Amino acid sequence: MRRLLAPDVQLWLDALVVAMEEFENVEEFPPQFYLCGGGAMLPDLKEAILSYPWHKYLSFKRLPKVLLVTPDKLDRVYDKSGLLIHPYDVTPTSLAKFYWDVLRLPNLNYLGTY
């Protein structure tokens, strides 16, 4: 599996580096990466981040840590069922909260004008 995923992990890491290079006027990047979603628990992603020579290309003073985000870390999201506990639950939970905010606060016009 690791060999099959290696090209995808490298593409993901390359895209992350390119995206971070686009930030202007960053004196120092925070020393942590937060992962969520379906692939967040793949050990290869964490290893790719931890083994990348960040300090050679971007402004990191120390090696970044990799942390997983779970739904309990989301602001104003309360799961009474206790079923939303994994990093892959963050994406649908965030979408549900976004939808709820749009319904409750229609004046914010999240979706633009059509």
PDB file of N, CA and C in Angstrom:
ATOM      1  N   MET A   1       0.813  -1.186   0.000  1.00  0.00           N
ATOM      2  CA  MET A   1       0.000   0.000   0.000  1.00  0.00           C
ATOM      3  C   MET A   1       0.861   1.256   0.000  1.00  0.00           C
ATOM      4  N   ARG A   2       1.887   1.237   0.827  1.00  0.00           N
ATOM      5  CA  ARG A   2       2.749   2.416   0.947  1.00  0.00           C
ATOM      6  C   ARG A   2       3.349   2.786  -0.413  1.00  0.00           C
ATOM      7  N   ARG A   3       3.795   1.793  -1.154  1.00  0.00           N
ATOM      8  CA  ARG A   3       4.391   2.046  -2.470  1.00  0.00           C
ATOM      9  C   ARG A   3       3.356   2.615  -3.437  1.00  0.00           C
ATOM     10  N   LEU A   4       2.125   2.119  -3.363  1.00  0.00           N
ATOM     11  CA  LEU A   4       1.056   2.612  -4.234  1.00  0.00           C
ATOM     12  C   LEU A   4       0.669   4.050  -3.904  1.00  0.00           C
ATOM     13  N   LEU A   5       0.700   4.405  -2.624  1.00  0.00           N
ATOM     14  CA  LEU A   5       0.309   5.748  -2.199  1.00  0.00           C
ATOM     15  C   LEU A   5       1.430   6.777  -2.324  1.00  0.00           C
ATOM     16  N   ALA A   6       2.662   6.320  -2.463  1.00  0.00           N
ATOM     17  CA  ALA A   6       3.817   7.229  -2.467  1.00  0.00           C
ATOM     18  C   ALA A   6       3.686   8.371  -3.477  1.00  0.00           C
ATOM     19  N   PRO A   7       3.284   8.140  -4.728  1.00  0.00           N
ATOM     20  CA  PRO A   7       3.153   9.267  -5.660  1.00  0.00           C
ATOM     21  C   PRO A   7       2.093  10.278  -5.226  1.00  0.00           C
ATOM     22  N   ASP A   8       0.997   9.791  -4.661  1.00  0.00           N
ATOM     23  CA  ASP A   8      -0.063  10.700  -4.197  1.00  0.00           C
ATOM     24  C   ASP A   8       0.391  11.512  -2.991  1.00  0.00           C
ATOM     25  N   VAL A   9       1.102  10.869  -2.089  1.00  0.00           N
ATOM     26  CA  VAL A   9       1.621  11.582  -0.920  1.00  0.00           C
ATOM     27  C   VAL A   9       2.610  12.661  -1.364  1.00  0.00           C
ATOM     28  N   GLN A  10       3.462  12.330  -2.326  1.00  0.00           N
ATOM     29  CA  GLN A  10       4.430  13.316  -2.819  1.00  0.00           C
ATOM     30  C   GLN A  10       3.727  14.478  -3.513  1.00  0.00           C
ATOM     31  N   LEU A  11       2.704  14.187  -4.297  1.00  0.00           N
ATOM     32  CA  LEU A  11       1.933  15.246  -4.948  1.00  0.00           C
ATOM     33  C   LEU A  11       1.266  16.142  -3.906  1.00  0.00           C
ATOM     34  N   TRP A  12       0.697  15.550  -2.877  1.00  0.00           N
ATOM     35  CA  TRP A  12       0.061  16.300  -1.797  1.00  0.00           C
ATOM     36  C   TRP A  12       1.078  17.206  -1.107  1.00  0.00           C
ATOM     37  N   LEU A  13       2.252  16.662  -0.809  1.00  0.00           N
ATOM     38  CA  LEU A  13       3.292  17.447  -0.146  1.00  0.00           C
ATOM     39  C   LEU A  13       3.792  18.568  -1.052  1.00  0.00           C
ATOM     40  N   ASP A  14       3.998  18.278  -2.322  1.00  0.00           N
ATOM     41  CA  ASP A  14       4.430  19.313  -3.274  1.00  0.00           C
ATOM     42  C   ASP A  14       3.409  20.446  -3.354  1.00  0.00           C
ATOM     43  N   ALA A  15       2.127  20.089  -3.393  1.00  0.00           N
ATOM     44  CA  ALA A  15       1.077  21.108  -3.455  1.00  0.00           C
ATOM     45  C   ALA A  15       1.053  21.940  -2.174  1.00  0.00           C
ATOM     46  N   LEU A  16       1.265  21.304  -1.042  1.00  0.00           N
ATOM     47  CA  LEU A  16       1.322  22.025   0.224  1.00  0.00           C
ATOM     48  C   LEU A  16       2.472  23.026   0.234  1.00  0.00           C
ATOM     49  N   VAL A  17       3.629  22.607  -0.214  1.00  0.00           N
ATOM     50  CA  VAL A  17       4.799  23.497  -0.254  1.00  0.00           C
ATOM     51  C   VAL A  17       4.535  24.673  -1.192  1.00  0.00           C
ATOM     52  N   VAL A  18       4.004  24.414  -2.375  1.00  0.00           N
ATOM     53  CA  VAL A  18       3.701  25.488  -3.327  1.00  0.00           C
ATOM     54  C   VAL A  18       2.706  26.469  -2.720  1.00  0.00           C
ATOM     55  N   ALA A  19       1.672  25.954  -2.075  1.00  0.00           N
ATOM     56  CA  ALA A  19       0.669  26.832  -1.453  1.00  0.00           C
ATOM     57  C   ALA A  19       1.309  27.696  -0.374  1.00  0.00           C
ATOM     58  N   MET A  20       2.176  27.121   0.416  1.00  0.00           N
ATOM     59  CA  MET A  20       2.818  27.889   1.490  1.00  0.00           C
ATOM     60  C   MET A  20       3.804  28.914   0.942  1.00  0.00           C
ATOM     61  N   GLU A  21       4.442  28.606  -0.163  1.00  0.00           N
ATOM     62  CA  GLU A  21       5.367  29.566  -0.784  1.00  0.00           C
ATOM     63  C   GLU A  21       4.639  30.800  -1.290  1.00  0.00           C
ATOM     64  N   GLU A  22       3.347  30.681  -1.540  1.00  0.00           N
ATOM     65  CA  GLU A  22       2.556  31.801  -2.045  1.00  0.00           C
ATOM     66  C   GLU A  22       2.270  32.862  -0.984  1.00  0.00           C
ATOM     67  N   PHE A  23       2.387  32.495   0.291  1.00  0.00           N
ATOM     68  CA  PHE A  23       2.162  33.476   1.349  1.00  0.00           C
ATOM     69  C   PHE A  23       3.270  34.514   1.318  1.00  0.00           C
ATOM     70  N   GLU A  24       2.871  35.777   1.385  1.00  0.00           N
ATOM     71  CA  GLU A  24       3.843  36.866   1.380  1.00  0.00           C
ATOM     72  C   GLU A  24       3.973  37.450   2.779  1.00  0.00           C
ATOM     73  N   ASN A  25       5.127  37.993   3.049  1.00  0.00           N
ATOM     74  CA  ASN A  25       5.383  38.700   4.306  1.00  0.00           C
ATOM     75  C   ASN A  25       5.166  37.830   5.543  1.00  0.00           C
ATOM     76  N   VAL A  26       5.529  36.570   5.462  1.00  0.00           N
ATOM     77  CA  VAL A  26       5.456  35.693   6.624  1.00  0.00           C
ATOM     78  C   VAL A  26       6.854  35.617   7.224  1.00  0.00           C
ATOM     79  N   GLU A  27       6.982  36.156   8.410  1.00  0.00           N
ATOM     80  CA  GLU A  27       8.292  36.138   9.062  1.00  0.00           C
ATOM     81  C   GLU A  27       8.638  34.743   9.561  1.00  0.00           C
ATOM     82  N   GLU A  28       7.632  34.050  10.080  1.00  0.00           N
ATOM     83  CA  GLU A  28       7.858  32.704  10.598  1.00  0.00           C
ATOM     84  C   GLU A  28       6.537  31.939  10.574  1.00  0.00           C
ATOM     85  N   PHE A  29       6.581  30.715  10.053  1.00  0.00           N
ATOM     86  CA  PHE A  29       5.387  29.881  10.027  1.00  0.00           C
ATOM     87  C   PHE A  29       5.191  29.220  11.384  1.00  0.00           C
ATOM     88  N   PRO A  30       3.932  29.005  11.775  1.00  0.00           N
ATOM     89  CA  PRO A  30       3.672  28.317  13.052  1.00  0.00           C
ATOM     90  C   PRO A  30       4.238  26.901  13.012  1.00  0.00           C
ATOM     91  N   PRO A  31       4.682  26.400  14.140  1.00  0.00           N
ATOM     92  CA  PRO A  31       5.353  25.091  14.150  1.00  0.00           C
ATOM     93  C   PRO A  31       4.399  23.903  14.258  1.00  0.00           C
ATOM     94  N   GLN A  32       3.214  24.006  13.657  1.00  0.00           N
ATOM     95  CA  GLN A  32       2.324  22.855  13.659  1.00  0.00           C
ATOM     96  C   GLN A  32       1.463  22.825  12.397  1.00  0.00           C
ATOM     97  N   PHE A  33       1.155  21.622  11.994  1.00  0.00           N
ATOM     98  CA  PHE A  33       0.222  21.378  10.898  1.00  0.00           C
ATOM     99  C   PHE A  33      -0.971  20.655  11.501  1.00  0.00           C
ATOM    100  N   TYR A  34      -2.161  21.088  11.130  1.00  0.00           N
ATOM    101  CA  TYR A  34      -3.380  20.435  11.586  1.00  0.00           C
ATOM    102  C   TYR A  34      -3.996  19.704  10.399  1.00  0.00           C
ATOM    103  N   LEU A  35      -4.219  18.412  10.556  1.00  0.00           N
ATOM    104  CA  LEU A  35      -4.787  17.598   9.491  1.00  0.00           C
ATOM    105  C   LEU A  35      -6.185  17.129   9.876  1.00  0.00           C
ATOM    106  N   CYS A  36      -7.059  17.093   8.885  1.00  0.00           N
ATOM    107  CA  CYS A  36      -8.382  16.513   9.081  1.00  0.00           C
ATOM    108  C   CYS A  36      -8.837  15.953   7.746  1.00  0.00           C
ATOM    109  N   GLY A  37      -9.930  15.225   7.785  1.00  0.00           N
ATOM    110  CA  GLY A  37     -10.468  14.659   6.559  1.00  0.00           C
ATOM    111  C   GLY A  37     -10.130  13.190   6.423  1.00  0.00           C
ATOM    112  N   GLY A  38     -10.529  12.635   5.306  1.00  0.00           N
ATOM    113  CA  GLY A  38     -10.404  11.205   5.074  1.00  0.00           C
ATOM    114  C   GLY A  38      -9.001  10.650   5.101  1.00  0.00           C
ATOM    115  N   GLY A  39      -8.026  11.403   4.635  1.00  0.00           N
ATOM    116  CA  GLY A  39      -6.661  10.891   4.594  1.00  0.00           C
ATOM    117  C   GLY A  39      -5.790  11.319   5.753  1.00  0.00           C
ATOM    118  N   ALA A  40      -6.342  12.067   6.689  1.00  0.00           N
ATOM    119  CA  ALA A  40      -5.543  12.640   7.769  1.00  0.00           C
ATOM    120  C   ALA A  40      -4.838  11.596   8.622  1.00  0.00           C
ATOM    121  N   MET A  41      -5.424  10.429   8.741  1.00  0.00           N
ATOM    122  CA  MET A  41      -4.830   9.406   9.604  1.00  0.00           C
ATOM    123  C   MET A  41      -3.844   8.504   8.871  1.00  0.00           C
ATOM    124  N   LEU A  42      -3.606   8.772   7.580  1.00  0.00           N
ATOM    125  CA  LEU A  42      -2.595   7.993   6.870  1.00  0.00           C
ATOM    126  C   LEU A  42      -1.220   8.354   7.425  1.00  0.00           C
ATOM    127  N   PRO A  43      -0.490   7.396   7.934  1.00  0.00           N
ATOM    128  CA  PRO A  43       0.810   7.712   8.533  1.00  0.00           C
ATOM    129  C   PRO A  43       1.793   8.319   7.542  1.00  0.00           C
ATOM    130  N   ASP A  44       1.626   8.022   6.256  1.00  0.00           N
ATOM    131  CA  ASP A  44       2.553   8.545   5.253  1.00  0.00           C
ATOM    132  C   ASP A  44       2.475  10.067   5.148  1.00  0.00           C
ATOM    133  N   LEU A  45       1.294  10.655   5.349  1.00  0.00           N
ATOM    134  CA  LEU A  45       1.180  12.115   5.298  1.00  0.00           C
ATOM    135  C   LEU A  45       1.961  12.745   6.438  1.00  0.00           C
ATOM    136  N   LYS A  46       1.780  12.203   7.614  1.00  0.00           N
ATOM    137  CA  LYS A  46       2.507  12.718   8.778  1.00  0.00           C
ATOM    138  C   LYS A  46       4.014  12.570   8.575  1.00  0.00           C
ATOM    139  N   GLU A  47       4.442  11.417   8.118  1.00  0.00           N
ATOM    140  CA  GLU A  47       5.872  11.183   7.883  1.00  0.00           C
ATOM    141  C   GLU A  47       6.424  12.135   6.825  1.00  0.00           C
ATOM    142  N   ALA A  48       5.646  12.401   5.777  1.00  0.00           N
ATOM    143  CA  ALA A  48       6.096  13.314   4.719  1.00  0.00           C
ATOM    144  C   ALA A  48       6.310  14.715   5.274  1.00  0.00           C
ATOM    145  N   ILE A  49       5.392  15.167   6.117  1.00  0.00           N
ATOM    146  CA  ILE A  49       5.538  16.498   6.717  1.00  0.00           C
ATOM    147  C   ILE A  49       6.748  16.535   7.640  1.00  0.00           C
ATOM    148  N   LEU A  50       6.885  15.516   8.466  1.00  0.00           N
ATOM    149  CA  LEU A  50       7.969  15.511   9.448  1.00  0.00           C
ATOM    150  C   LEU A  50       9.348  15.342   8.819  1.00  0.00           C
ATOM    151  N   SER A  51       9.421  14.704   7.669  1.00  0.00           N
ATOM    152  CA  SER A  51      10.728  14.478   7.048  1.00  0.00           C
ATOM    153  C   SER A  51      11.119  15.547   6.025  1.00  0.00           C
ATOM    154  N   TYR A  52      10.211  16.446   5.688  1.00  0.00           N
ATOM    155  CA  TYR A  52      10.506  17.484   4.702  1.00  0.00           C
ATOM    156  C   TYR A  52      11.460  18.525   5.305  1.00  0.00           C
ATOM    157  N   PRO A  53      12.453  18.972   4.546  1.00  0.00           N
ATOM    158  CA  PRO A  53      13.406  19.971   5.073  1.00  0.00           C
ATOM    159  C   PRO A  53      12.839  21.397   5.023  1.00  0.00           C
ATOM    160  N   TRP A  54      11.834  21.671   5.830  1.00  0.00           N
ATOM    161  CA  TRP A  54      11.121  22.951   5.812  1.00  0.00           C
ATOM    162  C   TRP A  54      12.041  24.139   5.954  1.00  0.00           C
ATOM    163  N   HIS A  55      12.984  24.061   6.879  1.00  0.00           N
ATOM    164  CA  HIS A  55      13.845  25.212   7.158  1.00  0.00           C
ATOM    165  C   HIS A  55      14.707  25.622   5.967  1.00  0.00           C
ATOM    166  N   LYS A  56      14.896  24.742   5.003  1.00  0.00           N
ATOM    167  CA  LYS A  56      15.685  25.095   3.809  1.00  0.00           C
ATOM    168  C   LYS A  56      14.895  25.982   2.842  1.00  0.00           C
ATOM    169  N   TYR A  57      13.578  25.852   2.854  1.00  0.00           N
ATOM    170  CA  TYR A  57      12.765  26.521   1.845  1.00  0.00           C
ATOM    171  C   TYR A  57      11.793  27.557   2.402  1.00  0.00           C
ATOM    172  N   LEU A  58      11.379  27.366   3.637  1.00  0.00           N
ATOM    173  CA  LEU A  58      10.404  28.271   4.243  1.00  0.00           C
ATOM    174  C   LEU A  58      10.861  28.646   5.650  1.00  0.00           C
ATOM    175  N   SER A  59      10.252  29.669   6.171  1.00  0.00           N
ATOM    176  CA  SER A  59      10.660  30.221   7.453  1.00  0.00           C
ATOM    177  C   SER A  59      10.068  29.448   8.635  1.00  0.00           C
ATOM    178  N   PHE A  60      10.696  28.342   8.966  1.00  0.00           N
ATOM    179  CA  PHE A  60      10.355  27.566  10.158  1.00  0.00           C
ATOM    180  C   PHE A  60      11.583  27.569  11.057  1.00  0.00           C
ATOM    181  N   LYS A  61      11.404  27.926  12.304  1.00  0.00           N
ATOM    182  CA  LYS A  61      12.538  27.912  13.228  1.00  0.00           C
ATOM    183  C   LYS A  61      12.760  26.536  13.826  1.00  0.00           C
ATOM    184  N   ARG A  62      11.704  25.733  13.873  1.00  0.00           N
ATOM    185  CA  ARG A  62      11.847  24.364  14.373  1.00  0.00           C
ATOM    186  C   ARG A  62      10.957  23.431  13.563  1.00  0.00           C
ATOM    187  N   LEU A  63      11.252  22.171  13.658  1.00  0.00           N
ATOM    188  CA  LEU A  63      10.507  21.160  12.926  1.00  0.00           C
ATOM    189  C   LEU A  63       9.044  21.188  13.352  1.00  0.00           C
ATOM    190  N   PRO A  64       8.123  21.284  12.399  1.00  0.00           N
ATOM    191  CA  PRO A  64       6.700  21.333  12.744  1.00  0.00           C
ATOM    192  C   PRO A  64       6.201  20.018  13.346  1.00  0.00           C
ATOM    193  N   LYS A  65       5.190  20.138  14.176  1.00  0.00           N
ATOM    194  CA  LYS A  65       4.464  18.988  14.708  1.00  0.00           C
ATOM    195  C   LYS A  65       3.242  18.772  13.815  1.00  0.00           C
ATOM    196  N   VAL A  66       2.740  17.567  13.815  1.00  0.00           N
ATOM    197  CA  VAL A  66       1.529  17.244  13.062  1.00  0.00           C
ATOM    198  C   VAL A  66       0.462  16.820  14.064  1.00  0.00           C
ATOM    199  N   LEU A  67      -0.659  17.521  14.030  1.00  0.00           N
ATOM    200  CA  LEU A  67      -1.757  17.246  14.943  1.00  0.00           C
ATOM    201  C   LEU A  67      -3.017  16.942  14.143  1.00  0.00           C
ATOM    202  N   LEU A  68      -3.826  16.044  14.656  1.00  0.00           N
ATOM    203  CA  LEU A  68      -5.093  15.707  14.011  1.00  0.00           C
ATOM    204  C   LEU A  68      -6.209  16.547  14.623  1.00  0.00           C
ATOM    205  N   VAL A  69      -7.077  17.068  13.770  1.00  0.00           N
ATOM    206  CA  VAL A  69      -8.225  17.837  14.233  1.00  0.00           C
ATOM    207  C   VAL A  69      -9.427  16.903  14.279  1.00  0.00           C
ATOM    208  N   THR A  70     -10.136  16.962  15.387  1.00  0.00           N
ATOM    209  CA  THR A  70     -11.349  16.177  15.549  1.00  0.00           C
ATOM    210  C   THR A  70     -12.525  17.138  15.760  1.00  0.00           C
ATOM    211  N   PRO A  71     -13.748  16.676  15.539  1.00  0.00           N
ATOM    212  CA  PRO A  71     -14.903  17.579  15.631  1.00  0.00           C
ATOM    213  C   PRO A  71     -15.042  18.308  16.966  1.00  0.00           C
ATOM    214  N   ASP A  72     -14.558  17.725  18.055  1.00  0.00           N
ATOM    215  CA  ASP A  72     -14.668  18.396  19.346  1.00  0.00           C
ATOM    216  C   ASP A  72     -13.819  19.667  19.423  1.00  0.00           C
ATOM    217  N   LYS A  73     -12.938  19.862  18.462  1.00  0.00           N
ATOM    218  CA  LYS A  73     -12.108  21.071  18.416  1.00  0.00           C
ATOM    219  C   LYS A  73     -12.758  22.192  17.606  1.00  0.00           C
ATOM    220  N   LEU A  74     -13.889  21.914  16.959  1.00  0.00           N
ATOM    221  CA  LEU A  74     -14.572  22.913  16.150  1.00  0.00           C
ATOM    222  C   LEU A  74     -15.364  23.863  17.037  1.00  0.00           C
ATOM    223  N   ASP A  75     -15.328  25.120  16.692  1.00  0.00           N
ATOM    224  CA  ASP A  75     -16.019  26.155  17.450  1.00  0.00           C
ATOM    225  C   ASP A  75     -17.532  26.054  17.247  1.00  0.00           C
ATOM    226  N   ARG A  76     -18.272  26.087  18.322  1.00  0.00           N
ATOM    227  CA  ARG A  76     -19.731  26.083  18.308  1.00  0.00           C
ATOM    228  C   ARG A  76     -20.337  24.869  17.612  1.00  0.00           C
ATOM    229  N   VAL A  77     -19.698  23.718  17.750  1.00  0.00           N
ATOM    230  CA  VAL A  77     -20.250  22.466  17.242  1.00  0.00           C
ATOM    231  C   VAL A  77     -20.381  21.530  18.435  1.00  0.00           C
ATOM    232  N   TYR A  78     -21.593  21.046  18.655  1.00  0.00           N
ATOM    233  CA  TYR A  78     -21.863  20.188  19.800  1.00  0.00           C
ATOM    234  C   TYR A  78     -22.478  18.885  19.311  1.00  0.00           C
ATOM    235  N   ASP A  79     -21.815  17.791  19.592  1.00  0.00           N
ATOM    236  CA  ASP A  79     -22.279  16.480  19.163  1.00  0.00           C
ATOM    237  C   ASP A  79     -22.833  15.734  20.368  1.00  0.00           C
ATOM    238  N   LYS A  80     -24.140  15.745  20.511  1.00  0.00           N
ATOM    239  CA  LYS A  80     -24.776  15.062  21.633  1.00  0.00           C
ATOM    240  C   LYS A  80     -24.767  13.546  21.453  1.00  0.00           C
ATOM    241  N   SER A  81     -24.563  13.081  20.220  1.00  0.00           N
ATOM    242  CA  SER A  81     -24.559  11.642  19.974  1.00  0.00           C
ATOM    243  C   SER A  81     -23.255  10.993  20.426  1.00  0.00           C
ATOM    244  N   GLY A  82     -22.173  11.753  20.428  1.00  0.00           N
ATOM    245  CA  GLY A  82     -20.872  11.197  20.779  1.00  0.00           C
ATOM    246  C   GLY A  82     -20.247  10.359  19.677  1.00  0.00           C
ATOM    247  N   LEU A  83     -20.839  10.408  18.497  1.00  0.00           N
ATOM    248  CA  LEU A  83     -20.354   9.584  17.386  1.00  0.00           C
ATOM    249  C   LEU A  83     -19.296  10.280  16.529  1.00  0.00           C
ATOM    250  N   LEU A  84     -19.199  11.597  16.612  1.00  0.00           N
ATOM    251  CA  LEU A  84     -18.261  12.346  15.766  1.00  0.00           C
ATOM    252  C   LEU A  84     -16.942  12.518  16.512  1.00  0.00           C
ATOM    253  N   ILE A  85     -16.023  11.584  16.274  1.00  0.00           N
ATOM    254  CA  ILE A  85     -14.784  11.583  17.053  1.00  0.00           C
ATOM    255  C   ILE A  85     -13.521  11.512  16.205  1.00  0.00           C
ATOM    256  N   HIS A  86     -13.653  11.272  14.914  1.00  0.00           N
ATOM    257  CA  HIS A  86     -12.488  11.038  14.057  1.00  0.00           C
ATOM    258  C   HIS A  86     -12.159  12.257  13.191  1.00  0.00           C
ATOM    259  N   PRO A  87     -10.925  12.367  12.745  1.00  0.00           N
ATOM    260  CA  PRO A  87     -10.571  13.459  11.832  1.00  0.00           C
ATOM    261  C   PRO A  87     -11.403  13.460  10.552  1.00  0.00           C
ATOM    262  N   TYR A  88     -11.848  12.288  10.100  1.00  0.00           N
ATOM    263  CA  TYR A  88     -12.660  12.248   8.885  1.00  0.00           C
ATOM    264  C   TYR A  88     -14.085  12.742   9.129  1.00  0.00           C
ATOM    265  N   ASP A  89     -14.461  12.943  10.375  1.00  0.00           N
ATOM    266  CA  ASP A  89     -15.774  13.510  10.687  1.00  0.00           C
ATOM    267  C   ASP A  89     -15.776  15.035  10.621  1.00  0.00           C
ATOM    268  N   VAL A  90     -14.613  15.658  10.557  1.00  0.00           N
ATOM    269  CA  VAL A  90     -14.524  17.122  10.564  1.00  0.00           C
ATOM    270  C   VAL A  90     -15.152  17.715   9.304  1.00  0.00           C
ATOM    271  N   THR A  91     -14.892  17.141   8.155  1.00  0.00           N
ATOM    272  CA  THR A  91     -15.395  17.704   6.903  1.00  0.00           C
ATOM    273  C   THR A  91     -16.921  17.729   6.854  1.00  0.00           C
ATOM    274  N   PRO A  92     -17.625  16.612   7.066  1.00  0.00           N
ATOM    275  CA  PRO A  92     -19.091  16.698   7.024  1.00  0.00           C
ATOM    276  C   PRO A  92     -19.659  17.540   8.166  1.00  0.00           C
ATOM    277  N   THR A  93     -19.000  17.518   9.324  1.00  0.00           N
ATOM    278  CA  THR A  93     -19.468  18.344  10.442  1.00  0.00           C
ATOM    279  C   THR A  93     -19.343  19.820  10.103  1.00  0.00           C
ATOM    280  N   SER A  94     -18.236  20.206   9.506  1.00  0.00           N
ATOM    281  CA  SER A  94     -18.033  21.608   9.110  1.00  0.00           C
ATOM    282  C   SER A  94     -19.036  22.029   8.055  1.00  0.00           C
ATOM    283  N   LEU A  95     -19.303  21.157   7.097  1.00  0.00           N
ATOM    284  CA  LEU A  95     -20.296  21.472   6.077  1.00  0.00           C
ATOM    285  C   LEU A  95     -21.688  21.617   6.674  1.00  0.00           C
ATOM    286  N   ALA A  96     -22.025  20.752   7.622  1.00  0.00           N
ATOM    287  CA  ALA A  96     -23.329  20.854   8.276  1.00  0.00           C
ATOM    288  C   ALA A  96     -23.428  22.160   9.059  1.00  0.00           C
ATOM    289  N   LYS A  97     -22.370  22.541   9.743  1.00  0.00           N
ATOM    290  CA  LYS A  97     -22.381  23.796  10.492  1.00  0.00           C
ATOM    291  C   LYS A  97     -22.499  24.989   9.545  1.00  0.00           C
ATOM    292  N   PHE A  98     -21.788  24.942   8.445  1.00  0.00           N
ATOM    293  CA  PHE A  98     -21.867  26.009   7.455  1.00  0.00           C
ATOM    294  C   PHE A  98     -23.304  26.149   6.953  1.00  0.00           C
ATOM    295  N   TYR A  99     -23.909  25.027   6.606  1.00  0.00           N
ATOM    296  CA  TYR A  99     -25.288  25.042   6.121  1.00  0.00           C
ATOM    297  C   TYR A  99     -26.220  25.601   7.193  1.00  0.00           C
ATOM    298  N   TRP A 100     -26.044  25.167   8.434  1.00  0.00           N
ATOM    299  CA  TRP A 100     -26.859  25.659   9.538  1.00  0.00           C
ATOM    300  C   TRP A 100     -26.701  27.175   9.690  1.00  0.00           C
ATOM    301  N   ASP A 101     -25.468  27.661   9.613  1.00  0.00           N
ATOM    302  CA  ASP A 101     -25.230  29.106   9.711  1.00  0.00           C
ATOM    303  C   ASP A 101     -25.929  29.859   8.583  1.00  0.00           C
ATOM    304  N   VAL A 102     -25.920  29.305   7.383  1.00  0.00           N
ATOM    305  CA  VAL A 102     -26.582  29.950   6.246  1.00  0.00           C
ATOM    306  C   VAL A 102     -28.080  30.020   6.482  1.00  0.00           C
ATOM    307  N   LEU A 103     -28.655  28.956   7.014  1.00  0.00           N
ATOM    308  CA  LEU A 103     -30.098  28.950   7.297  1.00  0.00           C
ATOM    309  C   LEU A 103     -30.462  29.917   8.413  1.00  0.00           C
ATOM    310  N   ARG A 104     -29.639  29.969   9.445  1.00  0.00           N
ATOM    311  CA  ARG A 104     -29.947  30.798  10.608  1.00  0.00           C
ATOM    312  C   ARG A 104     -29.580  32.260  10.410  1.00  0.00           C
ATOM    313  N   LEU A 105     -28.589  32.521   9.584  1.00  0.00           N
ATOM    314  CA  LEU A 105     -28.102  33.885   9.389  1.00  0.00           C
ATOM    315  C   LEU A 105     -28.134  34.260   7.914  1.00  0.00           C
ATOM    316  N   PRO A 106     -29.300  34.348   7.314  1.00  0.00           N
ATOM    317  CA  PRO A 106     -29.370  34.562   5.863  1.00  0.00           C
ATOM    318  C   PRO A 106     -28.802  35.907   5.410  1.00  0.00           C
ATOM    319  N   ASN A 107     -28.661  36.867   6.300  1.00  0.00           N
ATOM    320  CA  ASN A 107     -28.127  38.170   5.904  1.00  0.00           C
ATOM    321  C   ASN A 107     -26.622  38.136   5.616  1.00  0.00           C
ATOM    322  N   LEU A 108     -25.942  37.060   6.012  1.00  0.00           N
ATOM    323  CA  LEU A 108     -24.505  36.983   5.776  1.00  0.00           C
ATOM    324  C   LEU A 108     -24.174  36.673   4.316  1.00  0.00           C
ATOM    325  N   ASN A 109     -25.125  36.126   3.581  1.00  0.00           N
ATOM    326  CA  ASN A 109     -24.968  35.879   2.143  1.00  0.00           C
ATOM    327  C   ASN A 109     -23.687  35.115   1.814  1.00  0.00           C
ATOM    328  N   TYR A 110     -23.465  33.972   2.446  1.00  0.00           N
ATOM    329  CA  TYR A 110     -22.290  33.137   2.198  1.00  0.00           C
ATOM    330  C   TYR A 110     -22.191  32.698   0.747  1.00  0.00           C
ATOM    331  N   LEU A 111     -23.324  32.424   0.144  1.00  0.00           N
ATOM    332  CA  LEU A 111     -23.330  31.790  -1.159  1.00  0.00           C
ATOM    333  C   LEU A 111     -23.295  32.750  -2.324  1.00  0.00           C
ATOM    334  N   GLY A 112     -23.279  34.017  -2.059  1.00  0.00           N
ATOM    335  CA  GLY A 112     -23.220  34.992  -3.138  1.00  0.00           C
ATOM    336  C   GLY A 112     -24.588  35.214  -3.776  1.00  0.00           C
ATOM    337  N   THR A 113     -24.593  35.992  -4.818  1.00  0.00           N
ATOM    338  CA  THR A 113     -25.840  36.303  -5.513  1.00  0.00           C
ATOM    339  C   THR A 113     -25.888  35.514  -6.807  1.00  0.00           C
ATOM    340  N   TYR A 114     -27.042  34.931  -7.071  1.00  0.00           N
ATOM    341  CA  TYR A 114     -27.204  34.162  -8.306  1.00  0.00           C
ATOM    342  C   TYR A 114     -28.200  34.802  -9.225  1.00  0.00           C
TER     343      TYR A 114
END
